[in-house]
Amino acid sequence: MRYQISGQQIDVGEALQSHVMDELNDLMGKYAGRPTDVGVVFSRNAHEYVCEATVHLSTGLTAQAKAHAIEIYAAFDGCREKMDKQLRRYKRRLKDHHRERKEPVELFAGSSYILASEQVGETDEPDSLQPMIIAEMETKIPALSVGEAVMQMELAGSPILVFRHEGHNGVNVVYRREDGNIGWIDPVSST
């Protein structure tokens, strides 16, 4: 397992790195036997320390957690507890999907764009209908079943997930609705 433990404008010492690796080894041994890599980033927000952890599992799923505390060790412990809760909640589902899935999740390349928002007043008209692209990045689109996509979205704590449906290889979307339920968009291809 690869670890990437870093700090944004703060020094992360050997003792903290060792503590993080020991705790995450215990956690991963308990729930997710085969993580591929772990990223932990410490930062500072005013008087609080912030710890963000991302664990990539060999099944293609990603678990993320974030916590704030006045002390850096407490921030990590809070983050670890959130990760523990997520993995405990999905342990059975992770095991079930692991048994069914013989190979890791296939990832397809895609482009991700960030569009500039124009501050348009009531009387102002935009110069053109084409939005200005301010950032372009490559993103990965996983090939998953709908159940795995919902689980991935919840593990990552994101409101939406774009994925390739394993059954018909079409692009699908799952998202969290305002009423708390999960929505699924499965475009029907006309033949």
C-alpha atoms as a PDB file:
ATOM      1  CA  MET A   1       0.000   0.000   0.000  1.00  0.00           C
ATOM      2  CA  ARG A   2       1.315   3.442  -0.901  1.00  0.00           C
ATOM      3  CA  TYR A   3       0.945   6.360   1.473  1.00  0.00           C
ATOM      4  CA  GLN A   4       1.115  10.012   0.577  1.00  0.00           C
ATOM      5  CA  ILE A   5       1.006  12.080   3.757  1.00  0.00           C
ATOM      6  CA  SER A   6       1.509  15.787   3.254  1.00  0.00           C
ATOM      7  CA  GLY A   7       0.763  19.174   4.725  1.00  0.00           C
ATOM      8  CA  GLN A   8      -0.359  22.338   3.011  1.00  0.00           C
ATOM      9  CA  GLN A   9       1.929  25.042   4.383  1.00  0.00           C
ATOM     10  CA  ILE A  10       2.502  23.062   7.592  1.00  0.00           C
ATOM     11  CA  ASP A  11       5.240  20.594   8.483  1.00  0.00           C
ATOM     12  CA  VAL A  12       4.119  17.014   8.963  1.00  0.00           C
ATOM     13  CA  GLY A  13       6.734  15.353  11.174  1.00  0.00           C
ATOM     14  CA  GLU A  14       7.922  11.751  11.338  1.00  0.00           C
ATOM     15  CA  ALA A  15       5.881  10.989  14.480  1.00  0.00           C
ATOM     16  CA  LEU A  16       2.603  12.107  12.874  1.00  0.00           C
ATOM     17  CA  GLN A  17       3.367  10.203   9.661  1.00  0.00           C
ATOM     18  CA  SER A  18       4.118   7.053  11.656  1.00  0.00           C
ATOM     19  CA  HIS A  19       0.904   7.483  13.690  1.00  0.00           C
ATOM     20  CA  VAL A  20      -1.155   7.938  10.501  1.00  0.00           C
ATOM     21  CA  MET A  21       0.355   4.856   8.825  1.00  0.00           C
ATOM     22  CA  ASP A  22      -0.142   2.653  11.895  1.00  0.00           C
ATOM     23  CA  GLU A  23      -3.761   3.725  12.403  1.00  0.00           C
ATOM     24  CA  LEU A  24      -4.676   3.380   8.721  1.00  0.00           C
ATOM     25  CA  ASN A  25      -2.992  -0.035   8.490  1.00  0.00           C
ATOM     26  CA  ASP A  26      -5.168  -1.220  11.386  1.00  0.00           C
ATOM     27  CA  LEU A  27      -8.293   0.286   9.823  1.00  0.00           C
ATOM     28  CA  MET A  28      -7.653  -1.150   6.364  1.00  0.00           C
ATOM     29  CA  GLY A  29      -6.808  -4.571   7.788  1.00  0.00           C
ATOM     30  CA  LYS A  30     -10.130  -4.579   9.592  1.00  0.00           C
ATOM     31  CA  TYR A  31     -12.398  -3.611   6.685  1.00  0.00           C
ATOM     32  CA  ALA A  32     -10.791  -3.330   3.279  1.00  0.00           C
ATOM     33  CA  GLY A  33      -8.092  -5.908   2.850  1.00  0.00           C
ATOM     34  CA  ARG A  34      -6.626  -4.548  -0.398  1.00  0.00           C
ATOM     35  CA  PRO A  35      -6.275  -0.766  -0.551  1.00  0.00           C
ATOM     36  CA  THR A  36      -3.969   0.419  -3.319  1.00  0.00           C
ATOM     37  CA  ASP A  37      -3.054   3.867  -2.058  1.00  0.00           C
ATOM     38  CA  VAL A  38      -3.907   6.345   0.666  1.00  0.00           C
ATOM     39  CA  GLY A  39      -3.613  10.124   0.527  1.00  0.00           C
ATOM     40  CA  VAL A  40      -3.776  12.195   3.706  1.00  0.00           C
ATOM     41  CA  VAL A  41      -3.495  15.987   3.577  1.00  0.00           C
ATOM     42  CA  PHE A  42      -3.219  18.209   6.640  1.00  0.00           C
ATOM     43  CA  SER A  43      -3.930  21.919   6.416  1.00  0.00           C
ATOM     44  CA  ARG A  44      -4.788  24.808   8.659  1.00  0.00           C
ATOM     45  CA  ASN A  45      -8.002  26.830   8.656  1.00  0.00           C
ATOM     46  CA  ALA A  46      -7.702  29.761  11.080  1.00  0.00           C
ATOM     47  CA  HIS A  47      -7.218  28.156  14.515  1.00  0.00           C
ATOM     48  CA  GLU A  48      -8.197  24.626  13.439  1.00  0.00           C
ATOM     49  CA  TYR A  49      -6.304  21.829  11.750  1.00  0.00           C
ATOM     50  CA  VAL A  50      -8.038  20.067   8.871  1.00  0.00           C
ATOM     51  CA  CYS A  51      -7.350  16.468   7.889  1.00  0.00           C
ATOM     52  CA  GLU A  52      -8.596  15.057   4.571  1.00  0.00           C
ATOM     53  CA  ALA A  53      -8.066  11.386   3.756  1.00  0.00           C
ATOM     54  CA  THR A  54      -8.734   9.503   0.529  1.00  0.00           C
ATOM     55  CA  VAL A  55      -8.402   5.730   0.249  1.00  0.00           C
ATOM     56  CA  HIS A  56      -8.451   4.042  -3.162  1.00  0.00           C
ATOM     57  CA  LEU A  57      -9.455   0.395  -2.933  1.00  0.00           C
ATOM     58  CA  SER A  58      -8.439  -2.294  -5.415  1.00  0.00           C
ATOM     59  CA  THR A  59     -12.097  -2.765  -6.352  1.00  0.00           C
ATOM     60  CA  GLY A  60     -12.061   0.744  -7.817  1.00  0.00           C
ATOM     61  CA  LEU A  61     -14.046   2.323  -5.002  1.00  0.00           C
ATOM     62  CA  THR A  62     -12.805   5.421  -3.222  1.00  0.00           C
ATOM     63  CA  ALA A  63     -13.570   6.359   0.387  1.00  0.00           C
ATOM     64  CA  GLN A  64     -13.069   9.947   1.574  1.00  0.00           C
ATOM     65  CA  ALA A  65     -13.296  11.619   4.968  1.00  0.00           C
ATOM     66  CA  LYS A  66     -12.573  15.077   6.373  1.00  0.00           C
ATOM     67  CA  ALA A  67     -12.384  16.371   9.942  1.00  0.00           C
ATOM     68  CA  HIS A  68     -11.477  19.576  11.824  1.00  0.00           C
ATOM     69  CA  ALA A  69      -9.969  19.946  15.297  1.00  0.00           C
ATOM     70  CA  ILE A  70      -7.840  22.336  17.336  1.00  0.00           C
ATOM     71  CA  GLU A  71      -4.995  19.775  17.541  1.00  0.00           C
ATOM     72  CA  ILE A  72      -3.518  18.010  14.511  1.00  0.00           C
ATOM     73  CA  TYR A  73      -3.701  14.501  16.037  1.00  0.00           C
ATOM     74  CA  ALA A  74      -7.338  15.069  17.008  1.00  0.00           C
ATOM     75  CA  ALA A  75      -8.104  16.169  13.433  1.00  0.00           C
ATOM     76  CA  PHE A  76      -6.628  12.927  12.100  1.00  0.00           C
ATOM     77  CA  ASP A  77      -8.445  10.830  14.721  1.00  0.00           C
ATOM     78  CA  GLY A  78     -11.756  12.441  13.735  1.00  0.00           C
ATOM     79  CA  CYS A  79     -11.022  11.751  10.087  1.00  0.00           C
ATOM     80  CA  ARG A  80     -10.106   8.142  10.850  1.00  0.00           C
ATOM     81  CA  GLU A  81     -13.343   7.678  12.809  1.00  0.00           C
ATOM     82  CA  LYS A  82     -15.391   8.946   9.858  1.00  0.00           C
ATOM     83  CA  MET A  83     -13.518   6.615   7.515  1.00  0.00           C
ATOM     84  CA  ASP A  84     -14.069   3.752   9.981  1.00  0.00           C
ATOM     85  CA  LYS A  85     -17.804   4.486  10.063  1.00  0.00           C
ATOM     86  CA  GLN A  86     -18.034   4.582   6.251  1.00  0.00           C
ATOM     87  CA  LEU A  87     -16.145   1.345   5.771  1.00  0.00           C
ATOM     88  CA  ARG A  88     -18.019  -0.409   8.581  1.00  0.00           C
ATOM     89  CA  ARG A  89     -21.317   0.689   7.033  1.00  0.00           C
ATOM     90  CA  TYR A  90     -20.356  -0.683   3.635  1.00  0.00           C
ATOM     91  CA  LYS A  91     -18.297  -3.700   4.700  1.00  0.00           C
ATOM     92  CA  ARG A  92     -20.887  -6.254   3.664  1.00  0.00           C
ATOM     93  CA  ARG A  93     -21.564  -4.513   0.384  1.00  0.00           C
ATOM     94  CA  LEU A  94     -17.835  -4.203  -0.313  1.00  0.00           C
ATOM     95  CA  LYS A  95     -17.380  -7.928   0.361  1.00  0.00           C
ATOM     96  CA  ASP A  96     -20.351  -8.873  -1.821  1.00  0.00           C
ATOM     97  CA  HIS A  97     -19.148  -6.765  -4.737  1.00  0.00           C
ATOM     98  CA  HIS A  98     -15.611  -8.058  -4.324  1.00  0.00           C
ATOM     99  CA  ARG A  99     -16.811 -11.667  -4.629  1.00  0.00           C
ATOM    100  CA  GLU A 100     -18.821 -10.923  -7.765  1.00  0.00           C
ATOM    101  CA  ARG A 101     -16.119  -8.789  -9.393  1.00  0.00           C
ATOM    102  CA  LYS A 102     -13.212 -10.879 -10.627  1.00  0.00           C
ATOM    103  CA  GLU A 103     -11.254  -7.910 -12.038  1.00  0.00           C
ATOM    104  CA  PRO A 104     -10.752  -4.332 -10.848  1.00  0.00           C
ATOM    105  CA  VAL A 105     -13.119  -1.631 -12.058  1.00  0.00           C
ATOM    106  CA  GLU A 106     -12.286  -0.502 -15.581  1.00  0.00           C
ATOM    107  CA  LEU A 107     -11.687   3.245 -15.871  1.00  0.00           C
ATOM    108  CA  PHE A 108     -12.249   5.290 -19.029  1.00  0.00           C
ATOM    109  CA  ALA A 109     -10.645   8.660 -19.726  1.00  0.00           C
ATOM    110  CA  GLY A 110     -12.868  11.703 -19.953  1.00  0.00           C
ATOM    111  CA  SER A 111     -12.524  15.467 -19.919  1.00  0.00           C
ATOM    112  CA  SER A 112     -13.698  17.641 -17.071  1.00  0.00           C
ATOM    113  CA  TYR A 113     -14.170  21.380 -17.595  1.00  0.00           C
ATOM    114  CA  ILE A 114     -14.657  24.256 -15.181  1.00  0.00           C
ATOM    115  CA  LEU A 115     -16.729  27.035 -16.701  1.00  0.00           C
ATOM    116  CA  ALA A 116     -16.521  30.669 -15.635  1.00  0.00           C
ATOM    117  CA  SER A 117     -19.722  32.055 -14.189  1.00  0.00           C
ATOM    118  CA  GLU A 118     -20.654  35.421 -15.554  1.00  0.00           C
ATOM    119  CA  GLN A 119     -22.110  37.966 -13.192  1.00  0.00           C
ATOM    120  CA  VAL A 120     -24.939  39.150 -15.405  1.00  0.00           C
ATOM    121  CA  GLY A 121     -27.180  41.908 -14.105  1.00  0.00           C
ATOM    122  CA  GLU A 122     -30.843  42.284 -14.985  1.00  0.00           C
ATOM    123  CA  THR A 123     -30.136  44.621 -17.904  1.00  0.00           C
ATOM    124  CA  ASP A 124     -26.800  43.156 -19.006  1.00  0.00           C
ATOM    125  CA  GLU A 125     -26.705  40.711 -21.894  1.00  0.00           C
ATOM    126  CA  PRO A 126     -23.905  38.158 -22.222  1.00  0.00           C
ATOM    127  CA  ASP A 127     -21.505  38.732 -25.131  1.00  0.00           C
ATOM    128  CA  SER A 128     -21.982  35.189 -26.420  1.00  0.00           C
ATOM    129  CA  LEU A 129     -23.812  32.034 -25.512  1.00  0.00           C
ATOM    130  CA  GLN A 130     -20.535  30.095 -25.349  1.00  0.00           C
ATOM    131  CA  PRO A 131     -19.228  29.819 -21.759  1.00  0.00           C
ATOM    132  CA  MET A 132     -15.594  30.588 -21.094  1.00  0.00           C
ATOM    133  CA  ILE A 133     -13.592  27.493 -20.038  1.00  0.00           C
ATOM    134  CA  ILE A 134     -11.180  28.386 -17.253  1.00  0.00           C
ATOM    135  CA  ALA A 135      -9.823  24.892 -16.490  1.00  0.00           C
ATOM    136  CA  GLU A 136      -9.647  21.563 -18.288  1.00  0.00           C
ATOM    137  CA  MET A 137      -8.687  18.333 -16.537  1.00  0.00           C
ATOM    138  CA  GLU A 138      -8.692  14.641 -17.282  1.00  0.00           C
ATOM    139  CA  THR A 139     -11.042  12.588 -15.165  1.00  0.00           C
ATOM    140  CA  LYS A 140     -11.697   8.866 -14.885  1.00  0.00           C
ATOM    141  CA  ILE A 141     -15.126   7.379 -15.583  1.00  0.00           C
ATOM    142  CA  PRO A 142     -15.533   3.965 -13.914  1.00  0.00           C
ATOM    143  CA  ALA A 143     -17.464   1.025 -15.378  1.00  0.00           C
ATOM    144  CA  LEU A 144     -19.810  -0.027 -12.557  1.00  0.00           C
ATOM    145  CA  SER A 145     -23.179  -1.549 -11.822  1.00  0.00           C
ATOM    146  CA  VAL A 146     -25.844   0.839 -10.536  1.00  0.00           C
ATOM    147  CA  GLY A 147     -25.483  -0.481  -6.977  1.00  0.00           C
ATOM    148  CA  GLU A 148     -21.716  -0.001  -7.061  1.00  0.00           C
ATOM    149  CA  ALA A 149     -22.162   3.512  -8.471  1.00  0.00           C
ATOM    150  CA  VAL A 150     -24.497   4.482  -5.637  1.00  0.00           C
ATOM    151  CA  MET A 151     -22.082   3.021  -3.106  1.00  0.00           C
ATOM    152  CA  GLN A 152     -19.139   4.868  -4.714  1.00  0.00           C
ATOM    153  CA  MET A 153     -21.072   8.146  -4.683  1.00  0.00           C
ATOM    154  CA  GLU A 154     -21.941   7.724  -0.995  1.00  0.00           C
ATOM    155  CA  LEU A 155     -18.419   6.651  -0.024  1.00  0.00           C
ATOM    156  CA  ALA A 156     -16.953   9.678  -1.794  1.00  0.00           C
ATOM    157  CA  GLY A 157     -19.550  11.981  -0.238  1.00  0.00           C
ATOM    158  CA  SER A 158     -20.303  13.534  -3.622  1.00  0.00           C
ATOM    159  CA  PRO A 159     -23.748  14.630  -4.806  1.00  0.00           C
ATOM    160  CA  ILE A 160     -23.358  13.094  -8.293  1.00  0.00           C
ATOM    161  CA  LEU A 161     -21.424  10.346 -10.087  1.00  0.00           C
ATOM    162  CA  VAL A 162     -21.045   9.767 -13.821  1.00  0.00           C
ATOM    163  CA  PHE A 163     -20.271   6.136 -14.712  1.00  0.00           C
ATOM    164  CA  ARG A 164     -20.397   3.611 -17.532  1.00  0.00           C
ATOM    165  CA  HIS A 165     -23.120   1.024 -16.938  1.00  0.00           C
ATOM    166  CA  GLU A 166     -21.521  -2.430 -17.054  1.00  0.00           C
ATOM    167  CA  GLY A 167     -24.644  -3.998 -18.523  1.00  0.00           C
ATOM    168  CA  HIS A 168     -24.842  -1.961 -21.727  1.00  0.00           C
ATOM    169  CA  ASN A 169     -21.676   0.194 -21.614  1.00  0.00           C
ATOM    170  CA  GLY A 170     -23.707   3.414 -21.814  1.00  0.00           C
ATOM    171  CA  VAL A 171     -22.956   6.543 -19.813  1.00  0.00           C
ATOM    172  CA  ASN A 172     -25.238   6.848 -16.763  1.00  0.00           C
ATOM    173  CA  VAL A 173     -25.577   9.254 -13.833  1.00  0.00           C
ATOM    174  CA  VAL A 174     -26.600   8.701 -10.222  1.00  0.00           C
ATOM    175  CA  TYR A 175     -27.272  11.717  -8.011  1.00  0.00           C
ATOM    176  CA  ARG A 176     -28.641  12.667  -4.615  1.00  0.00           C
ATOM    177  CA  ARG A 177     -32.066  14.284  -4.921  1.00  0.00           C
ATOM    178  CA  GLU A 178     -33.232  17.181  -2.741  1.00  0.00           C
ATOM    179  CA  ASP A 179     -35.671  14.834  -0.975  1.00  0.00           C
ATOM    180  CA  GLY A 180     -32.721  12.626   0.100  1.00  0.00           C
ATOM    181  CA  ASN A 181     -33.405   9.787  -2.336  1.00  0.00           C
ATOM    182  CA  ILE A 182     -31.061   8.667  -5.094  1.00  0.00           C
ATOM    183  CA  GLY A 183     -31.839   9.493  -8.732  1.00  0.00           C
ATOM    184  CA  TRP A 184     -30.534   7.442 -11.673  1.00  0.00           C
ATOM    185  CA  ILE A 185     -30.323   8.718 -15.230  1.00  0.00           C
ATOM    186  CA  ASP A 186     -30.085   5.924 -17.802  1.00  0.00           C
ATOM    187  CA  PRO A 187     -30.427   7.364 -21.324  1.00  0.00           C
ATOM    188  CA  VAL A 188     -32.303   5.077 -23.668  1.00  0.00           C
ATOM    189  CA  SER A 189     -30.532   4.606 -26.971  1.00  0.00           C
ATOM    190  CA  SER A 190     -32.848   4.514 -29.941  1.00  0.00           C
ATOM    191  CA  THR A 191     -32.324   1.664 -32.365  1.00  0.00           C
END
